[in-house]
Amino acid sequence: MQFLMIVCEDPEAEPYRAEDDNIEQWVADVEARGVHVQGDRLRPAAEARTVRVRGGELSVTDGPFAEAGEHIAGYDILECASLEEAVEIASRHPMARFGRIDVRAAWPFEPGDA
C-alpha cells in the first residue's frame, strides 16, 4: 500500500537545529527497508502557482492560495504494509520535530469510479 508523506513547515514546531537534522540517516533507513518509492524537497511556496478553472475561465495566481505560516516543504512516497508502519517511519523524519508530517494512504481509482 502506498502512503504520501507531506512534509510541512510549522511555526509551532521546535526550532530547527542543523546538528539534529538526521535526514541522511532517515533516507538510508527507509531505502534499506525497501519502503522508499520517491521523495524530494519542493521549491519555496513563493515560486508556486495556484491554478483554478471557474466558469470555463482559467485563473493562475502566483504563490500558494492560503496565506499561512505552514507550507509544504517536500514529500515522500512510501510502500508500507499498514498506516501504522507509515506513521512509525514518518515519526523518525527530522521534520516530524522541526515541522509537521501528514501521512495519507493512496486511494487508487477502481474500475467504474467517476
PDB file of N, CA and C in Angstrom:
ATOM      1  N   MET A   1       0.852  -1.174   0.000  1.00  0.00           N
ATOM      2  CA  MET A   1       0.000   0.000   0.000  1.00  0.00           C
ATOM      3  C   MET A   1       0.898   1.239   0.000  1.00  0.00           C
ATOM      4  N   GLN A   2       0.551   2.208  -0.821  1.00  0.00           N
ATOM      5  CA  GLN A   2       1.373   3.419  -0.881  1.00  0.00           C
ATOM      6  C   GLN A   2       0.801   4.509   0.022  1.00  0.00           C
ATOM      7  N   PHE A   3       1.726   5.260   0.632  1.00  0.00           N
ATOM      8  CA  PHE A   3       1.389   6.370   1.516  1.00  0.00           C
ATOM      9  C   PHE A   3       2.175   7.594   1.083  1.00  0.00           C
ATOM     10  N   LEU A   4       1.502   8.740   1.113  1.00  0.00           N
ATOM     11  CA  LEU A   4       2.146  10.015   0.815  1.00  0.00           C
ATOM     12  C   LEU A   4       2.455  10.703   2.134  1.00  0.00           C
ATOM     13  N   MET A   5       3.720  11.016   2.330  1.00  0.00           N
ATOM     14  CA  MET A   5       4.136  11.843   3.464  1.00  0.00           C
ATOM     15  C   MET A   5       4.246  13.268   2.956  1.00  0.00           C
ATOM     16  N   ILE A   6       3.438  14.161   3.478  1.00  0.00           N
ATOM     17  CA  ILE A   6       3.503  15.569   3.103  1.00  0.00           C
ATOM     18  C   ILE A   6       4.299  16.265   4.203  1.00  0.00           C
ATOM     19  N   VAL A   7       5.477  16.724   3.850  1.00  0.00           N
ATOM     20  CA  VAL A   7       6.394  17.340   4.808  1.00  0.00           C
ATOM     21  C   VAL A   7       6.121  18.838   4.831  1.00  0.00           C
ATOM     22  N   CYS A   8       5.700  19.346   5.991  1.00  0.00           N
ATOM     23  CA  CYS A   8       5.266  20.740   6.103  1.00  0.00           C
ATOM     24  C   CYS A   8       6.098  21.519   7.101  1.00  0.00           C
ATOM     25  N   GLU A   9       6.246  22.797   6.806  1.00  0.00           N
ATOM     26  CA  GLU A   9       6.788  23.719   7.796  1.00  0.00           C
ATOM     27  C   GLU A   9       5.690  23.964   8.824  1.00  0.00           C
ATOM     28  N   ASP A  10       6.081  24.260  10.049  1.00  0.00           N
ATOM     29  CA  ASP A  10       5.102  24.506  11.105  1.00  0.00           C
ATOM     30  C   ASP A  10       5.700  25.499  12.087  1.00  0.00           C
ATOM     31  N   PRO A  11       5.149  26.719  12.169  1.00  0.00           N
ATOM     32  CA  PRO A  11       5.726  27.738  13.053  1.00  0.00           C
ATOM     33  C   PRO A  11       5.642  27.367  14.537  1.00  0.00           C
ATOM     34  N   GLU A  12       4.833  26.373  14.889  1.00  0.00           N
ATOM     35  CA  GLU A  12       4.719  25.965  16.295  1.00  0.00           C
ATOM     36  C   GLU A  12       5.662  24.826  16.663  1.00  0.00           C
ATOM     37  N   ALA A  13       6.443  24.335  15.702  1.00  0.00           N
ATOM     38  CA  ALA A  13       7.372  23.238  15.956  1.00  0.00           C
ATOM     39  C   ALA A  13       8.597  23.753  16.700  1.00  0.00           C
ATOM     40  N   GLU A  14       9.393  22.803  17.203  1.00  0.00           N
ATOM     41  CA  GLU A  14      10.626  23.222  17.876  1.00  0.00           C
ATOM     42  C   GLU A  14      11.570  23.852  16.856  1.00  0.00           C
ATOM     43  N   PRO A  15      12.413  24.755  17.288  1.00  0.00           N
ATOM     44  CA  PRO A  15      13.319  25.448  16.359  1.00  0.00           C
ATOM     45  C   PRO A  15      14.254  24.471  15.648  1.00  0.00           C
ATOM     46  N   TYR A  16      14.516  24.744  14.379  1.00  0.00           N
ATOM     47  CA  TYR A  16      15.422  23.912  13.586  1.00  0.00           C
ATOM     48  C   TYR A  16      16.828  24.016  14.141  1.00  0.00           C
ATOM     49  N   ARG A  17      17.472  22.852  14.265  1.00  0.00           N
ATOM     50  CA  ARG A  17      18.877  22.786  14.680  1.00  0.00           C
ATOM     51  C   ARG A  17      19.590  21.864  13.704  1.00  0.00           C
ATOM     52  N   ALA A  18      20.506  22.422  12.923  1.00  0.00           N
ATOM     53  CA  ALA A  18      21.201  21.647  11.891  1.00  0.00           C
ATOM     54  C   ALA A  18      21.854  20.395  12.466  1.00  0.00           C
ATOM     55  N   GLU A  19      22.385  20.490  13.663  1.00  0.00           N
ATOM     56  CA  GLU A  19      23.066  19.337  14.254  1.00  0.00           C
ATOM     57  C   GLU A  19      22.101  18.193  14.611  1.00  0.00           C
ATOM     58  N   ASP A  20      20.808  18.484  14.676  1.00  0.00           N
ATOM     59  CA  ASP A  20      19.805  17.443  14.952  1.00  0.00           C
ATOM     60  C   ASP A  20      19.094  16.972  13.687  1.00  0.00           C
ATOM     61  N   ASP A  21      19.481  17.502  12.549  1.00  0.00           N
ATOM     62  CA  ASP A  21      18.852  17.141  11.276  1.00  0.00           C
ATOM     63  C   ASP A  21      19.515  15.861  10.761  1.00  0.00           C
ATOM     64  N   ASN A  22      18.824  14.747  10.947  1.00  0.00           N
ATOM     65  CA  ASN A  22      19.373  13.446  10.565  1.00  0.00           C
ATOM     66  C   ASN A  22      18.743  12.906   9.281  1.00  0.00           C
ATOM     67  N   ILE A  23      18.470  13.782   8.324  1.00  0.00           N
ATOM     68  CA  ILE A  23      17.775  13.366   7.110  1.00  0.00           C
ATOM     69  C   ILE A  23      18.545  12.293   6.342  1.00  0.00           C
ATOM     70  N   GLU A  24      19.859  12.372   6.310  1.00  0.00           N
ATOM     71  CA  GLU A  24      20.630  11.353   5.597  1.00  0.00           C
ATOM     72  C   GLU A  24      20.425   9.982   6.232  1.00  0.00           C
ATOM     73  N   GLN A  25      20.403   9.929   7.546  1.00  0.00           N
ATOM     74  CA  GLN A  25      20.172   8.678   8.273  1.00  0.00           C
ATOM     75  C   GLN A  25      18.759   8.155   7.986  1.00  0.00           C
ATOM     76  N   TRP A  26      17.767   9.062   7.973  1.00  0.00           N
ATOM     77  CA  TRP A  26      16.382   8.664   7.706  1.00  0.00           C
ATOM     78  C   TRP A  26      16.261   8.075   6.302  1.00  0.00           C
ATOM     79  N   VAL A  27      16.842   8.746   5.307  1.00  0.00           N
ATOM     80  CA  VAL A  27      16.780   8.258   3.926  1.00  0.00           C
ATOM     81  C   VAL A  27      17.464   6.900   3.815  1.00  0.00           C
ATOM     82  N   ALA A  28      18.624   6.751   4.422  1.00  0.00           N
ATOM     83  CA  ALA A  28      19.335   5.466   4.381  1.00  0.00           C
ATOM     84  C   ALA A  28      18.484   4.358   5.000  1.00  0.00           C
ATOM     85  N   ASP A  29      17.794   4.660   6.096  1.00  0.00           N
ATOM     86  CA  ASP A  29      16.956   3.674   6.772  1.00  0.00           C
ATOM     87  C   ASP A  29      15.788   3.240   5.896  1.00  0.00           C
ATOM     88  N   VAL A  30      15.048   4.199   5.315  1.00  0.00           N
ATOM     89  CA  VAL A  30      13.872   3.820   4.510  1.00  0.00           C
ATOM     90  C   VAL A  30      14.289   3.122   3.214  1.00  0.00           C
ATOM     91  N   GLU A  31      15.448   3.489   2.678  1.00  0.00           N
ATOM     92  CA  GLU A  31      15.936   2.791   1.491  1.00  0.00           C
ATOM     93  C   GLU A  31      16.374   1.372   1.848  1.00  0.00           C
ATOM     94  N   ALA A  32      17.027   1.191   2.998  1.00  0.00           N
ATOM     95  CA  ALA A  32      17.430  -0.140   3.440  1.00  0.00           C
ATOM     96  C   ALA A  32      16.215  -1.026   3.714  1.00  0.00           C
ATOM     97  N   ARG A  33      15.145  -0.452   4.223  1.00  0.00           N
ATOM     98  CA  ARG A  33      13.910  -1.206   4.469  1.00  0.00           C
ATOM     99  C   ARG A  33      13.185  -1.545   3.169  1.00  0.00           C
ATOM    100  N   GLY A  34      13.515  -0.835   2.096  1.00  0.00           N
ATOM    101  CA  GLY A  34      12.864  -1.057   0.815  1.00  0.00           C
ATOM    102  C   GLY A  34      11.472  -0.451   0.724  1.00  0.00           C
ATOM    103  N   VAL A  35      11.184   0.579   1.549  1.00  0.00           N
ATOM    104  CA  VAL A  35       9.851   1.185   1.550  1.00  0.00           C
ATOM    105  C   VAL A  35       9.809   2.548   0.865  1.00  0.00           C
ATOM    106  N   HIS A  36      10.959   3.105   0.526  1.00  0.00           N
ATOM    107  CA  HIS A  36      11.000   4.443  -0.074  1.00  0.00           C
ATOM    108  C   HIS A  36      10.811   4.331  -1.577  1.00  0.00           C
ATOM    109  N   VAL A  37       9.739   4.927  -2.087  1.00  0.00           N
ATOM    110  CA  VAL A  37       9.448   4.901  -3.517  1.00  0.00           C
ATOM    111  C   VAL A  37      10.022   6.146  -4.185  1.00  0.00           C
ATOM    112  N   GLN A  38       9.748   7.310  -3.596  1.00  0.00           N
ATOM    113  CA  GLN A  38      10.196   8.578  -4.180  1.00  0.00           C
ATOM    114  C   GLN A  38      10.065   9.664  -3.127  1.00  0.00           C
ATOM    115  N   GLY A  39      10.832  10.722  -3.268  1.00  0.00           N
ATOM    116  CA  GLY A  39      10.706  11.869  -2.381  1.00  0.00           C
ATOM    117  C   GLY A  39      11.670  12.961  -2.778  1.00  0.00           C
ATOM    118  N   ASP A  40      11.305  14.179  -2.389  1.00  0.00           N
ATOM    119  CA  ASP A  40      12.168  15.312  -2.697  1.00  0.00           C
ATOM    120  C   ASP A  40      11.682  16.541  -1.960  1.00  0.00           C
ATOM    121  N   ARG A  41      12.537  17.562  -1.963  1.00  0.00           N
ATOM    122  CA  ARG A  41      12.125  18.872  -1.463  1.00  0.00           C
ATOM    123  C   ARG A  41      11.265  19.530  -2.527  1.00  0.00           C
ATOM    124  N   LEU A  42      10.568  20.577  -2.148  1.00  0.00           N
ATOM    125  CA  LEU A  42       9.822  21.386  -3.108  1.00  0.00           C
ATOM    126  C   LEU A  42      10.396  22.795  -3.095  1.00  0.00           C
ATOM    127  N   ARG A  43      10.330  23.454  -4.243  1.00  0.00           N
ATOM    128  CA  ARG A  43      10.774  24.844  -4.319  1.00  0.00           C
ATOM    129  C   ARG A  43       9.918  25.668  -3.360  1.00  0.00           C
ATOM    130  N   PRO A  44      10.395  26.852  -2.946  1.00  0.00           N
ATOM    131  CA  PRO A  44       9.641  27.679  -1.998  1.00  0.00           C
ATOM    132  C   PRO A  44       8.230  28.007  -2.477  1.00  0.00           C
ATOM    133  N   ALA A  45       7.332  28.175  -1.527  1.00  0.00           N
ATOM    134  CA  ALA A  45       5.926  28.459  -1.823  1.00  0.00           C
ATOM    135  C   ALA A  45       5.774  29.709  -2.682  1.00  0.00           C
ATOM    136  N   ALA A  46       6.679  30.672  -2.530  1.00  0.00           N
ATOM    137  CA  ALA A  46       6.599  31.910  -3.307  1.00  0.00           C
ATOM    138  C   ALA A  46       6.756  31.646  -4.811  1.00  0.00           C
ATOM    139  N   GLU A  47       7.330  30.501  -5.171  1.00  0.00           N
ATOM    140  CA  GLU A  47       7.509  30.160  -6.580  1.00  0.00           C
ATOM    141  C   GLU A  47       6.368  29.299  -7.116  1.00  0.00           C
ATOM    142  N   ALA A  48       5.383  29.013  -6.284  1.00  0.00           N
ATOM    143  CA  ALA A  48       4.252  28.172  -6.698  1.00  0.00           C
ATOM    144  C   ALA A  48       3.264  28.962  -7.545  1.00  0.00           C
ATOM    145  N   ARG A  49       2.402  28.251  -8.213  1.00  0.00           N
ATOM    146  CA  ARG A  49       1.282  28.842  -8.940  1.00  0.00           C
ATOM    147  C   ARG A  49       0.032  28.103  -8.487  1.00  0.00           C
ATOM    148  N   THR A  50      -1.032  28.837  -8.257  1.00  0.00           N
ATOM    149  CA  THR A  50      -2.328  28.246  -7.929  1.00  0.00           C
ATOM    150  C   THR A  50      -3.178  28.314  -9.182  1.00  0.00           C
ATOM    151  N   VAL A  51      -3.715  27.173  -9.587  1.00  0.00           N
ATOM    152  CA  VAL A  51      -4.471  27.052 -10.834  1.00  0.00           C
ATOM    153  C   VAL A  51      -5.926  26.739 -10.503  1.00  0.00           C
ATOM    154  N   ARG A  52      -6.825  27.517 -11.096  1.00  0.00           N
ATOM    155  CA  ARG A  52      -8.261  27.299 -10.935  1.00  0.00           C
ATOM    156  C   ARG A  52      -8.935  27.483 -12.297  1.00  0.00           C
ATOM    157  N   VAL A  53     -10.028  26.757 -12.493  1.00  0.00           N
ATOM    158  CA  VAL A  53     -10.904  26.996 -13.633  1.00  0.00           C
ATOM    159  C   VAL A  53     -12.289  27.214 -13.051  1.00  0.00           C
ATOM    160  N   ARG A  54     -12.842  28.389 -13.297  1.00  0.00           N
ATOM    161  CA  ARG A  54     -14.176  28.754 -12.801  1.00  0.00           C
ATOM    162  C   ARG A  54     -14.986  29.287 -13.972  1.00  0.00           C
ATOM    163  N   GLY A  55     -16.138  28.688 -14.189  1.00  0.00           N
ATOM    164  CA  GLY A  55     -16.974  29.125 -15.307  1.00  0.00           C
ATOM    165  C   GLY A  55     -16.257  29.016 -16.636  1.00  0.00           C
ATOM    166  N   GLY A  56     -15.372  28.023 -16.765  1.00  0.00           N
ATOM    167  CA  GLY A  56     -14.639  27.833 -18.007  1.00  0.00           C
ATOM    168  C   GLY A  56     -13.452  28.752 -18.188  1.00  0.00           C
ATOM    169  N   GLU A  57     -13.203  29.644 -17.230  1.00  0.00           N
ATOM    170  CA  GLU A  57     -12.094  30.599 -17.317  1.00  0.00           C
ATOM    171  C   GLU A  57     -10.924  30.138 -16.450  1.00  0.00           C
ATOM    172  N   LEU A  58      -9.742  30.146 -17.040  1.00  0.00           N
ATOM    173  CA  LEU A  58      -8.522  29.788 -16.329  1.00  0.00           C
ATOM    174  C   LEU A  58      -8.024  30.971 -15.515  1.00  0.00           C
ATOM    175  N   SER A  59      -7.679  30.703 -14.264  1.00  0.00           N
ATOM    176  CA  SER A  59      -7.074  31.713 -13.396  1.00  0.00           C
ATOM    177  C   SER A  59      -5.807  31.117 -12.806  1.00  0.00           C
ATOM    178  N   VAL A  60      -4.696  31.790 -13.010  1.00  0.00           N
ATOM    179  CA  VAL A  60      -3.417  31.356 -12.449  1.00  0.00           C
ATOM    180  C   VAL A  60      -2.876  32.507 -11.620  1.00  0.00           C
ATOM    181  N   THR A  61      -2.623  32.237 -10.339  1.00  0.00           N
ATOM    182  CA  THR A  61      -2.072  33.266  -9.460  1.00  0.00           C
ATOM    183  C   THR A  61      -0.732  32.815  -8.917  1.00  0.00           C
ATOM    184  N   ASP A  62       0.118  33.770  -8.609  1.00  0.00           N
ATOM    185  CA  ASP A  62       1.429  33.476  -8.048  1.00  0.00           C
ATOM    186  C   ASP A  62       1.294  33.059  -6.591  1.00  0.00           C
ATOM    187  N   GLY A  63       2.134  32.123  -6.195  1.00  0.00           N
ATOM    188  CA  GLY A  63       2.202  31.707  -4.804  1.00  0.00           C
ATOM    189  C   GLY A  63       1.076  30.782  -4.413  1.00  0.00           C
ATOM    190  N   PRO A  64       1.108  30.343  -3.166  1.00  0.00           N
ATOM    191  CA  PRO A  64       0.065  29.439  -2.685  1.00  0.00           C
ATOM    192  C   PRO A  64      -1.227  30.204  -2.443  1.00  0.00           C
ATOM    193  N   PHE A  65      -2.340  29.489  -2.484  1.00  0.00           N
ATOM    194  CA  PHE A  65      -3.645  30.110  -2.248  1.00  0.00           C
ATOM    195  C   PHE A  65      -3.762  30.583  -0.805  1.00  0.00           C
ATOM    196  N   ALA A  66      -3.389  29.740   0.134  1.00  0.00           N
ATOM    197  CA  ALA A  66      -3.563  30.066   1.557  1.00  0.00           C
ATOM    198  C   ALA A  66      -2.395  30.898   2.065  1.00  0.00           C
ATOM    199  N   GLU A  67      -2.706  31.936   2.773  1.00  0.00           N
ATOM    200  CA  GLU A  67      -1.680  32.726   3.453  1.00  0.00           C
ATOM    201  C   GLU A  67      -1.539  32.141   4.848  1.00  0.00           C
ATOM    202  N   ALA A  68      -0.534  31.334   5.030  1.00  0.00           N
ATOM    203  CA  ALA A  68      -0.364  30.656   6.318  1.00  0.00           C
ATOM    204  C   ALA A  68       1.116  30.505   6.609  1.00  0.00           C
ATOM    205  N   GLY A  69       1.424  30.254   7.864  1.00  0.00           N
ATOM    206  CA  GLY A  69       2.804  30.028   8.259  1.00  0.00           C
ATOM    207  C   GLY A  69       3.261  28.622   7.941  1.00  0.00           C
ATOM    208  N   GLU A  70       2.334  27.752   7.559  1.00  0.00           N
ATOM    209  CA  GLU A  70       2.661  26.378   7.234  1.00  0.00           C
ATOM    210  C   GLU A  70       2.656  26.212   5.720  1.00  0.00           C
ATOM    211  N   HIS A  71       3.746  25.704   5.176  1.00  0.00           N
ATOM    212  CA  HIS A  71       3.836  25.456   3.751  1.00  0.00           C
ATOM    213  C   HIS A  71       4.393  24.066   3.537  1.00  0.00           C
ATOM    214  N   ILE A  72       4.022  23.454   2.422  1.00  0.00           N
ATOM    215  CA  ILE A  72       4.550  22.141   2.084  1.00  0.00           C
ATOM    216  C   ILE A  72       5.994  22.323   1.639  1.00  0.00           C
ATOM    217  N   ALA A  73       6.898  21.624   2.303  1.00  0.00           N
ATOM    218  CA  ALA A  73       8.327  21.746   2.020  1.00  0.00           C
ATOM    219  C   ALA A  73       8.837  20.593   1.168  1.00  0.00           C
ATOM    220  N   GLY A  74       8.137  19.463   1.204  1.00  0.00           N
ATOM    221  CA  GLY A  74       8.585  18.306   0.444  1.00  0.00           C
ATOM    222  C   GLY A  74       7.598  17.166   0.587  1.00  0.00           C
ATOM    223  N   TYR A  75       7.973  16.031   0.034  1.00  0.00           N
ATOM    224  CA  TYR A  75       7.093  14.872   0.072  1.00  0.00           C
ATOM    225  C   TYR A  75       7.918  13.601  -0.023  1.00  0.00           C
ATOM    226  N   ASP A  76       7.335  12.526   0.413  1.00  0.00           N
ATOM    227  CA  ASP A  76       7.895  11.196   0.221  1.00  0.00           C
ATOM    228  C   ASP A  76       6.742  10.251  -0.048  1.00  0.00           C
ATOM    229  N   ILE A  77       6.978   9.273  -0.904  1.00  0.00           N
ATOM    230  CA  ILE A  77       6.018   8.215  -1.145  1.00  0.00           C
ATOM    231  C   ILE A  77       6.627   6.942  -0.591  1.00  0.00           C
ATOM    232  N   LEU A  78       5.879   6.293   0.281  1.00  0.00           N
ATOM    233  CA  LEU A  78       6.342   5.066   0.934  1.00  0.00           C
ATOM    234  C   LEU A  78       5.464   3.898   0.506  1.00  0.00           C
ATOM    235  N   GLU A  79       6.036   2.740   0.452  1.00  0.00           N
ATOM    236  CA  GLU A  79       5.303   1.493   0.210  1.00  0.00           C
ATOM    237  C   GLU A  79       5.386   0.712   1.521  1.00  0.00           C
ATOM    238  N   CYS A  80       4.277   0.700   2.261  1.00  0.00           N
ATOM    239  CA  CYS A  80       4.251   0.090   3.590  1.00  0.00           C
ATOM    240  C   CYS A  80       3.105  -0.903   3.699  1.00  0.00           C
ATOM    241  N   ALA A  81       3.210  -1.786   4.667  1.00  0.00           N
ATOM    242  CA  ALA A  81       2.172  -2.791   4.897  1.00  0.00           C
ATOM    243  C   ALA A  81       0.941  -2.199   5.565  1.00  0.00           C
ATOM    244  N   SER A  82       1.118  -1.085   6.300  1.00  0.00           N
ATOM    245  CA  SER A  82      -0.007  -0.525   7.055  1.00  0.00           C
ATOM    246  C   SER A  82       0.214   0.952   7.323  1.00  0.00           C
ATOM    247  N   LEU A  83      -0.866   1.614   7.713  1.00  0.00           N
ATOM    248  CA  LEU A  83      -0.770   3.015   8.135  1.00  0.00           C
ATOM    249  C   LEU A  83       0.145   3.138   9.346  1.00  0.00           C
ATOM    250  N   GLU A  84       0.076   2.185  10.250  1.00  0.00           N
ATOM    251  CA  GLU A  84       0.915   2.223  11.453  1.00  0.00           C
ATOM    252  C   GLU A  84       2.397   2.194  11.098  1.00  0.00           C
ATOM    253  N   GLU A  85       2.771   1.378  10.115  1.00  0.00           N
ATOM    254  CA  GLU A  85       4.166   1.340   9.686  1.00  0.00           C
ATOM    255  C   GLU A  85       4.570   2.678   9.069  1.00  0.00           C
ATOM    256  N   ALA A  86       3.700   3.254   8.237  1.00  0.00           N
ATOM    257  CA  ALA A  86       3.998   4.552   7.615  1.00  0.00           C
ATOM    258  C   ALA A  86       4.150   5.641   8.670  1.00  0.00           C
ATOM    259  N   VAL A  87       3.303   5.635   9.684  1.00  0.00           N
ATOM    260  CA  VAL A  87       3.388   6.622  10.774  1.00  0.00           C
ATOM    261  C   VAL A  87       4.696   6.443  11.548  1.00  0.00           C
ATOM    262  N   GLU A  88       5.076   5.214  11.815  1.00  0.00           N
ATOM    263  CA  GLU A  88       6.332   4.955  12.534  1.00  0.00           C
ATOM    264  C   GLU A  88       7.518   5.499  11.742  1.00  0.00           C
ATOM    265  N   ILE A  89       7.520   5.271  10.441  1.00  0.00           N
ATOM    266  CA  ILE A  89       8.601   5.767   9.589  1.00  0.00           C
ATOM    267  C   ILE A  89       8.590   7.300   9.565  1.00  0.00           C
ATOM    268  N   ALA A  90       7.408   7.894   9.425  1.00  0.00           N
ATOM    269  CA  ALA A  90       7.290   9.359   9.419  1.00  0.00           C
ATOM    270  C   ALA A  90       7.775   9.956  10.740  1.00  0.00           C
ATOM    271  N   SER A  91       7.556   9.261  11.832  1.00  0.00           N
ATOM    272  CA  SER A  91       7.947   9.795  13.145  1.00  0.00           C
ATOM    273  C   SER A  91       9.453   9.945  13.283  1.00  0.00           C
ATOM    274  N   ARG A  92      10.211   9.241  12.458  1.00  0.00           N
ATOM    275  CA  ARG A  92      11.678   9.303  12.515  1.00  0.00           C
ATOM    276  C   ARG A  92      12.257  10.391  11.607  1.00  0.00           C
ATOM    277  N   HIS A  93      11.414  10.967  10.751  1.00  0.00           N
ATOM    278  CA  HIS A  93      11.862  12.028   9.835  1.00  0.00           C
ATOM    279  C   HIS A  93      12.152  13.277  10.667  1.00  0.00           C
ATOM    280  N   PRO A  94      13.249  14.004  10.386  1.00  0.00           N
ATOM    281  CA  PRO A  94      13.568  15.183  11.196  1.00  0.00           C
ATOM    282  C   PRO A  94      12.474  16.253  11.176  1.00  0.00           C
ATOM    283  N   MET A  95      11.708  16.343  10.097  1.00  0.00           N
ATOM    284  CA  MET A  95      10.654  17.365  10.061  1.00  0.00           C
ATOM    285  C   MET A  95       9.459  17.008  10.943  1.00  0.00           C
ATOM    286  N   ALA A  96       9.423  15.793  11.477  1.00  0.00           N
ATOM    287  CA  ALA A  96       8.404  15.489  12.485  1.00  0.00           C
ATOM    288  C   ALA A  96       8.657  16.334  13.730  1.00  0.00           C
ATOM    289  N   ARG A  97       9.928  16.713  13.962  1.00  0.00           N
ATOM    290  CA  ARG A  97      10.285  17.596  15.086  1.00  0.00           C
ATOM    291  C   ARG A  97      10.268  19.060  14.679  1.00  0.00           C
ATOM    292  N   PHE A  98      10.841  19.358  13.512  1.00  0.00           N
ATOM    293  CA  PHE A  98      11.033  20.758  13.100  1.00  0.00           C
ATOM    294  C   PHE A  98       9.867  21.307  12.293  1.00  0.00           C
ATOM    295  N   GLY A  99       8.903  20.475  11.999  1.00  0.00           N
ATOM    296  CA  GLY A  99       7.751  20.882  11.197  1.00  0.00           C
ATOM    297  C   GLY A  99       6.575  19.991  11.525  1.00  0.00           C
ATOM    298  N   ARG A 100       6.003  19.426  10.477  1.00  0.00           N
ATOM    299  CA  ARG A 100       4.849  18.537  10.644  1.00  0.00           C
ATOM    300  C   ARG A 100       4.834  17.607   9.448  1.00  0.00           C
ATOM    301  N   ILE A 101       4.397  16.373   9.659  1.00  0.00           N
ATOM    302  CA  ILE A 101       4.274  15.422   8.568  1.00  0.00           C
ATOM    303  C   ILE A 101       2.846  14.889   8.548  1.00  0.00           C
ATOM    304  N   ASP A 102       2.191  15.052   7.421  1.00  0.00           N
ATOM    305  CA  ASP A 102       0.869  14.465   7.218  1.00  0.00           C
ATOM    306  C   ASP A 102       1.080  13.174   6.443  1.00  0.00           C
ATOM    307  N   VAL A 103       0.481  12.085   6.921  1.00  0.00           N
ATOM    308  CA  VAL A 103       0.598  10.790   6.256  1.00  0.00           C
ATOM    309  C   VAL A 103      -0.781  10.408   5.730  1.00  0.00           C
ATOM    310  N   ARG A 104      -0.842  10.161   4.425  1.00  0.00           N
ATOM    311  CA  ARG A 104      -2.135   9.805   3.808  1.00  0.00           C
ATOM    312  C   ARG A 104      -1.959   8.611   2.895  1.00  0.00           C
ATOM    313  N   ALA A 105      -2.875   7.664   3.007  1.00  0.00           N
ATOM    314  CA  ALA A 105      -2.860   6.495   2.129  1.00  0.00           C
ATOM    315  C   ALA A 105      -3.340   6.889   0.744  1.00  0.00           C
ATOM    316  N   ALA A 106      -2.711   6.296  -0.264  1.00  0.00           N
ATOM    317  CA  ALA A 106      -3.205   6.475  -1.623  1.00  0.00           C
ATOM    318  C   ALA A 106      -4.557   5.771  -1.723  1.00  0.00           C
ATOM    319  N   TRP A 107      -5.427   6.310  -2.538  1.00  0.00           N
ATOM    320  CA  TRP A 107      -6.773   5.772  -2.720  1.00  0.00           C
ATOM    321  C   TRP A 107      -6.959   5.526  -4.206  1.00  0.00           C
ATOM    322  N   PRO A 108      -6.429   4.396  -4.694  1.00  0.00           N
ATOM    323  CA  PRO A 108      -6.454   4.145  -6.135  1.00  0.00           C
ATOM    324  C   PRO A 108      -7.870   4.115  -6.698  1.00  0.00           C
ATOM    325  N   PHE A 109      -7.995   4.601  -7.928  1.00  0.00           N
ATOM    326  CA  PHE A 109      -9.267   4.527  -8.638  1.00  0.00           C
ATOM    327  C   PHE A 109      -9.570   3.069  -8.948  1.00  0.00           C
ATOM    328  N   GLU A 110     -10.809   2.721  -8.810  1.00  0.00           N
ATOM    329  CA  GLU A 110     -11.299   1.382  -9.177  1.00  0.00           C
ATOM    330  C   GLU A 110     -12.065   1.518 -10.481  1.00  0.00           C
ATOM    331  N   PRO A 111     -12.157   0.437 -11.260  1.00  0.00           N
ATOM    332  CA  PRO A 111     -12.970   0.497 -12.483  1.00  0.00           C
ATOM    333  C   PRO A 111     -14.387   0.980 -12.153  1.00  0.00           C
ATOM    334  N   GLY A 112     -14.859   1.941 -12.909  1.00  0.00           N
ATOM    335  CA  GLY A 112     -16.199   2.480 -12.694  1.00  0.00           C
ATOM    336  C   GLY A 112     -16.238   3.696 -11.789  1.00  0.00           C
ATOM    337  N   ASP A 113     -15.123   4.030 -11.111  1.00  0.00           N
ATOM    338  CA  ASP A 113     -15.092   5.243 -10.295  1.00  0.00           C
ATOM    339  C   ASP A 113     -15.219   6.454 -11.207  1.00  0.00           C
ATOM    340  N   ALA A 114     -15.922   7.453 -10.745  1.00  0.00           N
ATOM    341  CA  ALA A 114     -16.070   8.679 -11.538  1.00  0.00           C
ATOM    342  C   ALA A 114     -14.894   9.587 -11.322  1.00  0.00           C
TER     343      ALA A 114
END
